[in-house]
Amino acid sequence: MGLRTSITERQRRLGAELRKLRERSGMVTKEAGEVIGMGSAHLSHIEAGRTSILTARLRALCEAYGCTDEPYVEALVRMAEDSGKGWWTEHRKSVSPIALDLAELEAGATRACSYETLFIPGLLQTESYMRAIFGSAQDPDPETAVRFRLTRQKVLGGEPALPLHAVIHEAALRITVGGPEVMREQLMHLIEAARLPNMTIQVLPFEAGALKNISASFLLLSGQAGGLETVVADDPAQWTVFLGDEGAVEGYSKAFQRLAGSALPQVDPEAVPERHLMRDSLGLIQHIAYAL
């Protein structure tokens, strides 16, 4: 049995879900291993994402654990059978494992909810804005970083297109990245992006104040079935962490609902300025862009 030298987030999550199901059933690894004819050590490696599991054995485990949620089980099967290969594969030697995991998760997601405090969400950034960010961060290979992020953005126009609901803090609109021209282009791009049917863009204004327990950016990705959501969160010590436990997902989901509820109405590029009866996201973006 060969063990993986590096584990992707998808592989780690599959193992974590199987461990969760086993623990809920009350079975120990020795008992569960006997169900599928393997030792407890082998099953522990599967639960840690260090090795794969055959489809028949995965289904047998789910049945033994009493899991009757068919869509969830089928989603686990797809995770187990997935080769993990995609457009991101060719970048394995040039970008970080975190970036690779994020691209794979986005490719398999059914919905994305993004909250950004200081920058425009990566999936909505213009090329000039990206270059300014990676240049100022002294990225060792800014060209590769830009191309990788531009390719990630294709999920928004794919078939099917990934639905994206973005809540962007007003601070991210006012921090001038790359100079006035770059920033003005970026703000206009947000308005154009809002024309896509799968896009919802809102601005959280300064007057919304500080929302309790919400201070950092995060991305919430919905999986192929309920219970497989993933939070991609900024962490001061680790930069980016992936969270999939129920408590974290529920907490971030509620946080996003609060953010969306406190934000201005979504950008509507077709709205006639004269008919703006209340302050909205479109008006604020235009105001900031024209003032640059």
C-alpha atoms as a PDB file:
ATOM      1  CA  MET A   1       0.000   0.000   0.000  1.00  0.00           C
ATOM      2  CA  GLY A   2       1.625   3.201  -1.165  1.00  0.00           C
ATOM      3  CA  LEU A   3       1.021   6.322   0.903  1.00  0.00           C
ATOM      4  CA  ARG A   4       0.712   9.769  -0.631  1.00  0.00           C
ATOM      5  CA  THR A   5       3.611  12.124  -0.046  1.00  0.00           C
ATOM      6  CA  SER A   6       1.319  15.135  -0.446  1.00  0.00           C
ATOM      7  CA  ILE A   7      -2.401  15.277   0.291  1.00  0.00           C
ATOM      8  CA  THR A   8      -4.838  17.583  -1.494  1.00  0.00           C
ATOM      9  CA  GLU A   9      -7.707  19.263   0.298  1.00  0.00           C
ATOM     10  CA  ARG A  10     -10.201  17.030  -1.561  1.00  0.00           C
ATOM     11  CA  GLN A  11      -8.406  13.883  -0.390  1.00  0.00           C
ATOM     12  CA  ARG A  12      -8.105  15.183   3.165  1.00  0.00           C
ATOM     13  CA  ARG A  13     -11.792  16.137   3.221  1.00  0.00           C
ATOM     14  CA  LEU A  14     -12.941  12.734   1.945  1.00  0.00           C
ATOM     15  CA  GLY A  15     -11.025  11.046   4.734  1.00  0.00           C
ATOM     16  CA  ALA A  16     -12.386  13.489   7.293  1.00  0.00           C
ATOM     17  CA  GLU A  17     -15.959  12.797   6.178  1.00  0.00           C
ATOM     18  CA  LEU A  18     -15.459   9.036   6.481  1.00  0.00           C
ATOM     19  CA  ARG A  19     -13.975   9.487   9.937  1.00  0.00           C
ATOM     20  CA  LYS A  20     -16.931  11.664  10.949  1.00  0.00           C
ATOM     21  CA  LEU A  21     -19.412   9.039   9.764  1.00  0.00           C
ATOM     22  CA  ARG A  22     -17.566   6.288  11.625  1.00  0.00           C
ATOM     23  CA  GLU A  23     -17.413   8.244  14.865  1.00  0.00           C
ATOM     24  CA  ARG A  24     -21.119   9.084  14.643  1.00  0.00           C
ATOM     25  CA  SER A  25     -21.914   5.399  14.209  1.00  0.00           C
ATOM     26  CA  GLY A  26     -19.956   4.558  17.352  1.00  0.00           C
ATOM     27  CA  MET A  27     -17.644   2.145  15.527  1.00  0.00           C
ATOM     28  CA  VAL A  28     -13.890   2.038  16.147  1.00  0.00           C
ATOM     29  CA  THR A  29     -11.415   1.637  13.282  1.00  0.00           C
ATOM     30  CA  LYS A  30     -10.934  -2.084  13.982  1.00  0.00           C
ATOM     31  CA  GLU A  31     -14.674  -2.777  13.644  1.00  0.00           C
ATOM     32  CA  ALA A  32     -15.041  -0.616  10.550  1.00  0.00           C
ATOM     33  CA  GLY A  33     -11.960  -2.140   8.941  1.00  0.00           C
ATOM     34  CA  GLU A  34     -13.413  -5.622   9.356  1.00  0.00           C
ATOM     35  CA  VAL A  35     -16.493  -4.532   7.385  1.00  0.00           C
ATOM     36  CA  ILE A  36     -14.379  -3.983   4.276  1.00  0.00           C
ATOM     37  CA  GLY A  37     -11.678  -6.549   4.954  1.00  0.00           C
ATOM     38  CA  MET A  38      -8.804  -4.333   5.991  1.00  0.00           C
ATOM     39  CA  GLY A  39      -6.868  -3.573   9.124  1.00  0.00           C
ATOM     40  CA  SER A  40      -7.421  -0.577  11.354  1.00  0.00           C
ATOM     41  CA  ALA A  41      -4.083   0.935  10.274  1.00  0.00           C
ATOM     42  CA  HIS A  42      -5.140   0.880   6.629  1.00  0.00           C
ATOM     43  CA  LEU A  43      -8.464   2.525   7.446  1.00  0.00           C
ATOM     44  CA  SER A  44      -6.676   5.162   9.513  1.00  0.00           C
ATOM     45  CA  HIS A  45      -4.572   6.022   6.465  1.00  0.00           C
ATOM     46  CA  ILE A  46      -7.753   6.392   4.400  1.00  0.00           C
ATOM     47  CA  GLU A  47      -9.308   8.666   7.012  1.00  0.00           C
ATOM     48  CA  ALA A  48      -6.147  10.778   7.012  1.00  0.00           C
ATOM     49  CA  GLY A  49      -6.244  11.079   3.220  1.00  0.00           C
ATOM     50  CA  ARG A  50      -2.934   9.270   2.879  1.00  0.00           C
ATOM     51  CA  THR A  51      -4.323   6.569   0.597  1.00  0.00           C
ATOM     52  CA  SER A  52      -7.345   5.952  -1.640  1.00  0.00           C
ATOM     53  CA  ILE A  53     -10.410   3.777  -1.175  1.00  0.00           C
ATOM     54  CA  LEU A  54     -12.243   1.687  -3.753  1.00  0.00           C
ATOM     55  CA  THR A  55     -15.821   2.689  -4.539  1.00  0.00           C
ATOM     56  CA  ALA A  56     -17.309  -0.621  -3.387  1.00  0.00           C
ATOM     57  CA  ARG A  57     -15.554  -0.339  -0.045  1.00  0.00           C
ATOM     58  CA  LEU A  58     -16.631   3.275   0.389  1.00  0.00           C
ATOM     59  CA  ARG A  59     -20.279   2.353  -0.204  1.00  0.00           C
ATOM     60  CA  ALA A  60     -19.968  -0.571   2.198  1.00  0.00           C
ATOM     61  CA  LEU A  61     -18.599   1.712   4.899  1.00  0.00           C
ATOM     62  CA  CYS A  62     -21.379   4.262   4.416  1.00  0.00           C
ATOM     63  CA  GLU A  63     -23.957   1.489   4.705  1.00  0.00           C
ATOM     64  CA  ALA A  64     -22.299   0.090   7.834  1.00  0.00           C
ATOM     65  CA  TYR A  65     -22.227   3.578   9.330  1.00  0.00           C
ATOM     66  CA  GLY A  66     -25.966   3.933   8.725  1.00  0.00           C
ATOM     67  CA  CYS A  67     -25.607   6.814   6.257  1.00  0.00           C
ATOM     68  CA  THR A  68     -28.761   6.885   4.097  1.00  0.00           C
ATOM     69  CA  ASP A  69     -28.251  10.319   2.508  1.00  0.00           C
ATOM     70  CA  GLU A  70     -27.895   9.172  -1.110  1.00  0.00           C
ATOM     71  CA  PRO A  71     -26.800  12.521  -2.641  1.00  0.00           C
ATOM     72  CA  TYR A  72     -24.152  12.829   0.058  1.00  0.00           C
ATOM     73  CA  VAL A  73     -22.879   9.279  -0.501  1.00  0.00           C
ATOM     74  CA  GLU A  74     -22.752   9.825  -4.266  1.00  0.00           C
ATOM     75  CA  ALA A  75     -20.780  13.025  -3.704  1.00  0.00           C
ATOM     76  CA  LEU A  76     -18.290  11.075  -1.584  1.00  0.00           C
ATOM     77  CA  VAL A  77     -18.012   8.496  -4.374  1.00  0.00           C
ATOM     78  CA  ARG A  78     -17.226  11.232  -6.891  1.00  0.00           C
ATOM     79  CA  MET A  79     -14.592  12.630  -4.534  1.00  0.00           C
ATOM     80  CA  ALA A  80     -13.018   9.185  -4.213  1.00  0.00           C
ATOM     81  CA  GLU A  81     -13.062   8.469  -7.949  1.00  0.00           C
ATOM     82  CA  ASP A  82     -11.855  11.924  -8.979  1.00  0.00           C
ATOM     83  CA  SER A  83      -8.337  11.846 -10.420  1.00  0.00           C
ATOM     84  CA  GLY A  84      -7.726  15.380  -9.194  1.00  0.00           C
ATOM     85  CA  LYS A  85      -6.474  16.356 -12.631  1.00  0.00           C
ATOM     86  CA  GLY A  86      -7.598  19.600 -14.228  1.00  0.00           C
ATOM     87  CA  TRP A  87      -6.186  22.730 -15.790  1.00  0.00           C
ATOM     88  CA  TRP A  88      -4.385  23.420 -12.488  1.00  0.00           C
ATOM     89  CA  THR A  89      -2.343  20.198 -12.798  1.00  0.00           C
ATOM     90  CA  GLU A  90       0.228  21.778 -15.099  1.00  0.00           C
ATOM     91  CA  HIS A  91       0.941  24.402 -12.429  1.00  0.00           C
ATOM     92  CA  ARG A  92       1.883  21.983  -9.652  1.00  0.00           C
ATOM     93  CA  LYS A  93       5.536  22.979  -9.800  1.00  0.00           C
ATOM     94  CA  SER A  94       4.930  26.712 -10.066  1.00  0.00           C
ATOM     95  CA  VAL A  95       2.183  27.638  -7.562  1.00  0.00           C
ATOM     96  CA  SER A  96       1.508  26.770  -3.938  1.00  0.00           C
ATOM     97  CA  PRO A  97      -0.486  23.689  -2.857  1.00  0.00           C
ATOM     98  CA  ILE A  98      -3.050  26.047  -1.302  1.00  0.00           C
ATOM     99  CA  ALA A  99      -3.648  27.734  -4.673  1.00  0.00           C
ATOM    100  CA  LEU A 100      -3.988  24.335  -6.357  1.00  0.00           C
ATOM    101  CA  ASP A 101      -6.489  23.164  -3.739  1.00  0.00           C
ATOM    102  CA  LEU A 102      -8.498  26.354  -4.125  1.00  0.00           C
ATOM    103  CA  ALA A 103      -8.692  25.961  -7.901  1.00  0.00           C
ATOM    104  CA  GLU A 104      -9.834  22.346  -7.579  1.00  0.00           C
ATOM    105  CA  LEU A 105     -12.447  23.249  -4.973  1.00  0.00           C
ATOM    106  CA  GLU A 106     -13.819  26.087  -7.114  1.00  0.00           C
ATOM    107  CA  ALA A 107     -14.017  23.789 -10.138  1.00  0.00           C
ATOM    108  CA  GLY A 108     -16.189  21.344  -8.202  1.00  0.00           C
ATOM    109  CA  ALA A 109     -18.273  23.869  -6.255  1.00  0.00           C
ATOM    110  CA  THR A 110     -21.945  24.594  -6.901  1.00  0.00           C
ATOM    111  CA  ARG A 111     -21.930  28.089  -5.335  1.00  0.00           C
ATOM    112  CA  ALA A 112     -19.448  30.584  -3.900  1.00  0.00           C
ATOM    113  CA  CYS A 113     -20.004  33.287  -1.292  1.00  0.00           C
ATOM    114  CA  SER A 114     -17.114  35.715  -0.873  1.00  0.00           C
ATOM    115  CA  TYR A 115     -16.449  38.446   1.668  1.00  0.00           C
ATOM    116  CA  GLU A 116     -13.430  40.707   1.159  1.00  0.00           C
ATOM    117  CA  THR A 117     -12.255  43.485   3.435  1.00  0.00           C
ATOM    118  CA  LEU A 118      -9.221  45.078   1.773  1.00  0.00           C
ATOM    119  CA  PHE A 119      -9.017  43.676  -1.762  1.00  0.00           C
ATOM    120  CA  ILE A 120     -11.362  42.954  -4.634  1.00  0.00           C
ATOM    121  CA  PRO A 121     -12.186  39.204  -4.677  1.00  0.00           C
ATOM    122  CA  GLY A 122      -9.654  37.285  -6.765  1.00  0.00           C
ATOM    123  CA  LEU A 123     -12.322  35.944  -9.118  1.00  0.00           C
ATOM    124  CA  LEU A 124     -13.335  39.538  -9.939  1.00  0.00           C
ATOM    125  CA  GLN A 125      -9.931  41.175 -10.293  1.00  0.00           C
ATOM    126  CA  THR A 126      -8.692  42.713 -13.542  1.00  0.00           C
ATOM    127  CA  GLU A 127      -5.301  41.724 -14.881  1.00  0.00           C
ATOM    128  CA  SER A 128      -3.836  45.162 -14.132  1.00  0.00           C
ATOM    129  CA  TYR A 129      -5.116  45.012 -10.547  1.00  0.00           C
ATOM    130  CA  MET A 130      -3.560  41.554 -10.115  1.00  0.00           C
ATOM    131  CA  ARG A 131      -0.216  42.715 -11.447  1.00  0.00           C
ATOM    132  CA  ALA A 132      -0.199  45.593  -8.995  1.00  0.00           C
ATOM    133  CA  ILE A 133      -0.957  43.248  -6.083  1.00  0.00           C
ATOM    134  CA  PHE A 134       1.601  40.589  -6.943  1.00  0.00           C
ATOM    135  CA  GLY A 135       4.193  43.216  -7.777  1.00  0.00           C
ATOM    136  CA  SER A 136       3.810  45.018  -4.453  1.00  0.00           C
ATOM    137  CA  ALA A 137       3.905  41.688  -2.618  1.00  0.00           C
ATOM    138  CA  GLN A 138       7.222  40.917  -4.322  1.00  0.00           C
ATOM    139  CA  ASP A 139       5.923  37.577  -5.539  1.00  0.00           C
ATOM    140  CA  PRO A 140       8.830  35.478  -6.873  1.00  0.00           C
ATOM    141  CA  ASP A 141       6.906  34.737 -10.075  1.00  0.00           C
ATOM    142  CA  PRO A 142       4.177  37.372 -10.557  1.00  0.00           C
ATOM    143  CA  GLU A 143       3.534  36.391 -14.173  1.00  0.00           C
ATOM    144  CA  THR A 144       2.611  32.827 -13.228  1.00  0.00           C
ATOM    145  CA  ALA A 145       0.499  34.073 -10.313  1.00  0.00           C
ATOM    146  CA  VAL A 146      -1.449  36.392 -12.627  1.00  0.00           C
ATOM    147  CA  ARG A 147      -2.022  33.748 -15.289  1.00  0.00           C
ATOM    148  CA  PHE A 148      -3.132  31.229 -12.692  1.00  0.00           C
ATOM    149  CA  ARG A 149      -5.673  33.631 -11.208  1.00  0.00           C
ATOM    150  CA  LEU A 150      -6.976  34.629 -14.634  1.00  0.00           C
ATOM    151  CA  THR A 151      -7.548  30.955 -15.449  1.00  0.00           C
ATOM    152  CA  ARG A 152      -9.329  30.461 -12.112  1.00  0.00           C
ATOM    153  CA  GLN A 153     -11.788  33.160 -13.172  1.00  0.00           C
ATOM    154  CA  LYS A 154     -13.058  30.976 -16.020  1.00  0.00           C
ATOM    155  CA  VAL A 155     -15.318  29.135 -13.552  1.00  0.00           C
ATOM    156  CA  LEU A 156     -17.582  32.205 -13.658  1.00  0.00           C
ATOM    157  CA  GLY A 157     -18.232  31.770 -17.357  1.00  0.00           C
ATOM    158  CA  GLY A 158     -18.046  28.001 -17.624  1.00  0.00           C
ATOM    159  CA  GLU A 159     -20.767  25.462 -18.283  1.00  0.00           C
ATOM    160  CA  PRO A 160     -22.263  25.416 -15.796  1.00  0.00           C
ATOM    161  CA  ALA A 161     -21.094  28.784 -14.525  1.00  0.00           C
ATOM    162  CA  LEU A 162     -20.266  29.037 -10.839  1.00  0.00           C
ATOM    163  CA  PRO A 163     -22.772  31.310  -9.036  1.00  0.00           C
ATOM    164  CA  LEU A 164     -20.878  33.933  -7.040  1.00  0.00           C
ATOM    165  CA  HIS A 165     -22.283  36.206  -4.340  1.00  0.00           C
ATOM    166  CA  ALA A 166     -19.639  38.729  -3.350  1.00  0.00           C
ATOM    167  CA  VAL A 167     -19.877  41.181  -0.467  1.00  0.00           C
ATOM    168  CA  ILE A 168     -17.031  43.698  -0.707  1.00  0.00           C
ATOM    169  CA  HIS A 169     -16.210  46.150   2.051  1.00  0.00           C
ATOM    170  CA  GLU A 170     -16.087  49.791   0.991  1.00  0.00           C
ATOM    171  CA  ALA A 171     -12.466  49.900   2.177  1.00  0.00           C
ATOM    172  CA  ALA A 172     -11.488  47.539  -0.651  1.00  0.00           C
ATOM    173  CA  LEU A 173     -12.970  49.978  -3.158  1.00  0.00           C
ATOM    174  CA  ARG A 174     -11.169  52.987  -1.722  1.00  0.00           C
ATOM    175  CA  ILE A 175      -7.690  51.493  -1.294  1.00  0.00           C
ATOM    176  CA  THR A 176      -5.947  52.566  -4.493  1.00  0.00           C
ATOM    177  CA  VAL A 177      -4.124  49.560  -5.927  1.00  0.00           C
ATOM    178  CA  GLY A 178      -1.838  50.290  -8.865  1.00  0.00           C
ATOM    179  CA  GLY A 179      -2.868  53.919  -9.212  1.00  0.00           C
ATOM    180  CA  PRO A 180      -6.105  55.730 -10.160  1.00  0.00           C
ATOM    181  CA  GLU A 181      -6.369  54.323 -13.693  1.00  0.00           C
ATOM    182  CA  VAL A 182      -5.942  50.728 -12.578  1.00  0.00           C
ATOM    183  CA  MET A 183      -8.446  51.227  -9.780  1.00  0.00           C
ATOM    184  CA  ARG A 184     -10.997  52.945 -11.996  1.00  0.00           C
ATOM    185  CA  GLU A 185     -10.773  50.085 -14.499  1.00  0.00           C
ATOM    186  CA  GLN A 186     -11.233  47.622 -11.662  1.00  0.00           C
ATOM    187  CA  LEU A 187     -14.334  49.350 -10.328  1.00  0.00           C
ATOM    188  CA  MET A 188     -15.890  49.525 -13.783  1.00  0.00           C
ATOM    189  CA  HIS A 189     -15.124  45.826 -14.193  1.00  0.00           C
ATOM    190  CA  LEU A 190     -17.176  45.073 -11.080  1.00  0.00           C
ATOM    191  CA  ILE A 191     -20.160  46.786 -12.667  1.00  0.00           C
ATOM    192  CA  GLU A 192     -19.702  44.840 -15.894  1.00  0.00           C
ATOM    193  CA  ALA A 193     -19.274  41.560 -14.025  1.00  0.00           C
ATOM    194  CA  ALA A 194     -22.609  42.165 -12.315  1.00  0.00           C
ATOM    195  CA  ARG A 195     -24.274  41.764 -15.720  1.00  0.00           C
ATOM    196  CA  LEU A 196     -23.578  38.034 -15.600  1.00  0.00           C
ATOM    197  CA  PRO A 197     -26.704  36.103 -14.542  1.00  0.00           C
ATOM    198  CA  ASN A 198     -24.716  34.079 -11.999  1.00  0.00           C
ATOM    199  CA  MET A 199     -23.304  37.152 -10.258  1.00  0.00           C
ATOM    200  CA  THR A 200     -24.451  39.064  -7.180  1.00  0.00           C
ATOM    201  CA  ILE A 201     -22.232  41.925  -5.988  1.00  0.00           C
ATOM    202  CA  GLN A 202     -22.890  44.015  -2.880  1.00  0.00           C
ATOM    203  CA  VAL A 203     -20.874  46.680  -1.096  1.00  0.00           C
ATOM    204  CA  LEU A 204     -20.683  46.838   2.692  1.00  0.00           C
ATOM    205  CA  PRO A 205     -20.451  50.579   3.443  1.00  0.00           C
ATOM    206  CA  PHE A 206     -18.465  52.152   6.254  1.00  0.00           C
ATOM    207  CA  GLU A 207     -21.673  53.242   7.969  1.00  0.00           C
ATOM    208  CA  ALA A 208     -22.624  49.578   8.485  1.00  0.00           C
ATOM    209  CA  GLY A 209     -20.156  49.720  11.345  1.00  0.00           C
ATOM    210  CA  ALA A 210     -18.249  46.823  12.843  1.00  0.00           C
ATOM    211  CA  LEU A 211     -20.157  43.554  12.701  1.00  0.00           C
ATOM    212  CA  LYS A 212     -19.481  41.393  15.743  1.00  0.00           C
ATOM    213  CA  ASN A 213     -17.001  38.547  15.217  1.00  0.00           C
ATOM    214  CA  ILE A 214     -16.526  39.367  11.512  1.00  0.00           C
ATOM    215  CA  SER A 215     -13.165  40.945  10.793  1.00  0.00           C
ATOM    216  CA  ALA A 216     -11.394  38.843   8.155  1.00  0.00           C
ATOM    217  CA  SER A 217     -12.045  37.866   4.561  1.00  0.00           C
ATOM    218  CA  PHE A 218     -13.398  34.419   3.741  1.00  0.00           C
ATOM    219  CA  LEU A 219     -14.812  32.323   0.912  1.00  0.00           C
ATOM    220  CA  LEU A 220     -17.610  29.804   1.409  1.00  0.00           C
ATOM    221  CA  LEU A 221     -17.827  27.112  -1.275  1.00  0.00           C
ATOM    222  CA  SER A 222     -20.834  24.798  -1.512  1.00  0.00           C
ATOM    223  CA  GLY A 223     -20.061  21.182  -2.417  1.00  0.00           C
ATOM    224  CA  GLN A 224     -21.939  18.693  -4.554  1.00  0.00           C
ATOM    225  CA  ALA A 225     -24.175  17.796  -1.605  1.00  0.00           C
ATOM    226  CA  GLY A 226     -25.248  19.259   1.703  1.00  0.00           C
ATOM    227  CA  GLY A 227     -22.629  18.789   4.395  1.00  0.00           C
ATOM    228  CA  LEU A 228     -19.692  19.181   2.006  1.00  0.00           C
ATOM    229  CA  GLU A 229     -19.299  22.950   2.193  1.00  0.00           C
ATOM    230  CA  THR A 230     -15.791  24.345   2.617  1.00  0.00           C
ATOM    231  CA  VAL A 231     -14.703  27.630   4.180  1.00  0.00           C
ATOM    232  CA  VAL A 232     -11.500  29.172   2.855  1.00  0.00           C
ATOM    233  CA  ALA A 233     -10.493  31.612   5.575  1.00  0.00           C
ATOM    234  CA  ASP A 234      -7.640  34.026   6.153  1.00  0.00           C
ATOM    235  CA  ASP A 235      -5.628  33.223   9.252  1.00  0.00           C
ATOM    236  CA  PRO A 236      -2.933  35.570  10.597  1.00  0.00           C
ATOM    237  CA  ALA A 237      -0.602  32.680  11.388  1.00  0.00           C
ATOM    238  CA  GLN A 238      -1.232  30.380   8.416  1.00  0.00           C
ATOM    239  CA  TRP A 239      -2.475  32.854   5.774  1.00  0.00           C
ATOM    240  CA  THR A 240      -5.127  30.499   4.404  1.00  0.00           C
ATOM    241  CA  VAL A 241      -6.941  27.607   6.056  1.00  0.00           C
ATOM    242  CA  PHE A 242      -9.617  25.219   4.805  1.00  0.00           C
ATOM    243  CA  LEU A 243     -12.454  24.456   7.210  1.00  0.00           C
ATOM    244  CA  GLY A 244     -15.116  21.832   6.715  1.00  0.00           C
ATOM    245  CA  ASP A 245     -16.466  20.965  10.152  1.00  0.00           C
ATOM    246  CA  GLU A 246     -20.135  21.689  10.707  1.00  0.00           C
ATOM    247  CA  GLY A 247     -19.585  24.309  13.384  1.00  0.00           C
ATOM    248  CA  ALA A 248     -17.249  26.401  11.243  1.00  0.00           C
ATOM    249  CA  VAL A 249     -19.437  26.140   8.152  1.00  0.00           C
ATOM    250  CA  GLU A 250     -22.563  27.101  10.079  1.00  0.00           C
ATOM    251  CA  GLY A 251     -20.784  30.011  11.736  1.00  0.00           C
ATOM    252  CA  TYR A 252     -19.433  31.420   8.494  1.00  0.00           C
ATOM    253  CA  SER A 253     -22.749  30.860   6.707  1.00  0.00           C
ATOM    254  CA  LYS A 254     -24.566  32.907   9.340  1.00  0.00           C
ATOM    255  CA  ALA A 255     -21.832  35.540   9.194  1.00  0.00           C
ATOM    256  CA  PHE A 256     -22.261  35.878   5.430  1.00  0.00           C
ATOM    257  CA  GLN A 257     -26.010  36.223   5.807  1.00  0.00           C
ATOM    258  CA  ARG A 258     -25.440  39.067   8.272  1.00  0.00           C
ATOM    259  CA  LEU A 259     -22.965  40.723   5.911  1.00  0.00           C
ATOM    260  CA  ALA A 260     -25.335  40.490   2.952  1.00  0.00           C
ATOM    261  CA  GLY A 261     -28.158  41.834   5.098  1.00  0.00           C
ATOM    262  CA  SER A 262     -26.070  44.824   6.210  1.00  0.00           C
ATOM    263  CA  ALA A 263     -24.647  45.568   2.759  1.00  0.00           C
ATOM    264  CA  LEU A 264     -26.168  47.915   0.213  1.00  0.00           C
ATOM    265  CA  PRO A 265     -28.545  46.475  -2.411  1.00  0.00           C
ATOM    266  CA  GLN A 266     -26.722  44.528  -5.115  1.00  0.00           C
ATOM    267  CA  VAL A 267     -25.198  46.117  -8.203  1.00  0.00           C
ATOM    268  CA  ASP A 268     -27.734  46.475 -11.006  1.00  0.00           C
ATOM    269  CA  PRO A 269     -25.888  47.746 -14.118  1.00  0.00           C
ATOM    270  CA  GLU A 270     -29.204  48.344 -15.896  1.00  0.00           C
ATOM    271  CA  ALA A 271     -30.516  50.708 -13.220  1.00  0.00           C
ATOM    272  CA  VAL A 272     -31.274  54.235 -14.383  1.00  0.00           C
ATOM    273  CA  PRO A 273     -29.482  56.761 -12.119  1.00  0.00           C
ATOM    274  CA  GLU A 274     -32.571  58.969 -11.934  1.00  0.00           C
ATOM    275  CA  ARG A 275     -34.517  56.090 -10.435  1.00  0.00           C
ATOM    276  CA  HIS A 276     -32.115  55.511  -7.552  1.00  0.00           C
ATOM    277  CA  LEU A 277     -34.464  56.166  -4.661  1.00  0.00           C
ATOM    278  CA  MET A 278     -31.965  54.851  -2.117  1.00  0.00           C
ATOM    279  CA  ARG A 279     -28.218  54.418  -1.811  1.00  0.00           C
ATOM    280  CA  ASP A 280     -27.098  51.203  -3.468  1.00  0.00           C
ATOM    281  CA  SER A 281     -23.915  49.322  -4.375  1.00  0.00           C
ATOM    282  CA  LEU A 282     -23.879  50.573  -7.956  1.00  0.00           C
ATOM    283  CA  GLY A 283     -24.112  54.206  -6.922  1.00  0.00           C
ATOM    284  CA  LEU A 284     -21.295  53.885  -4.379  1.00  0.00           C
ATOM    285  CA  ILE A 285     -18.967  52.123  -6.835  1.00  0.00           C
ATOM    286  CA  GLN A 286     -19.626  54.782  -9.470  1.00  0.00           C
ATOM    287  CA  HIS A 287     -19.102  57.576  -6.956  1.00  0.00           C
ATOM    288  CA  ILE A 288     -15.726  56.210  -5.874  1.00  0.00           C
ATOM    289  CA  ALA A 289     -14.638  55.566  -9.479  1.00  0.00           C
ATOM    290  CA  TYR A 290     -15.523  59.075 -10.652  1.00  0.00           C
ATOM    291  CA  ALA A 291     -13.679  60.612  -7.688  1.00  0.00           C
ATOM    292  CA  LEU A 292     -10.376  58.919  -8.567  1.00  0.00           C
END
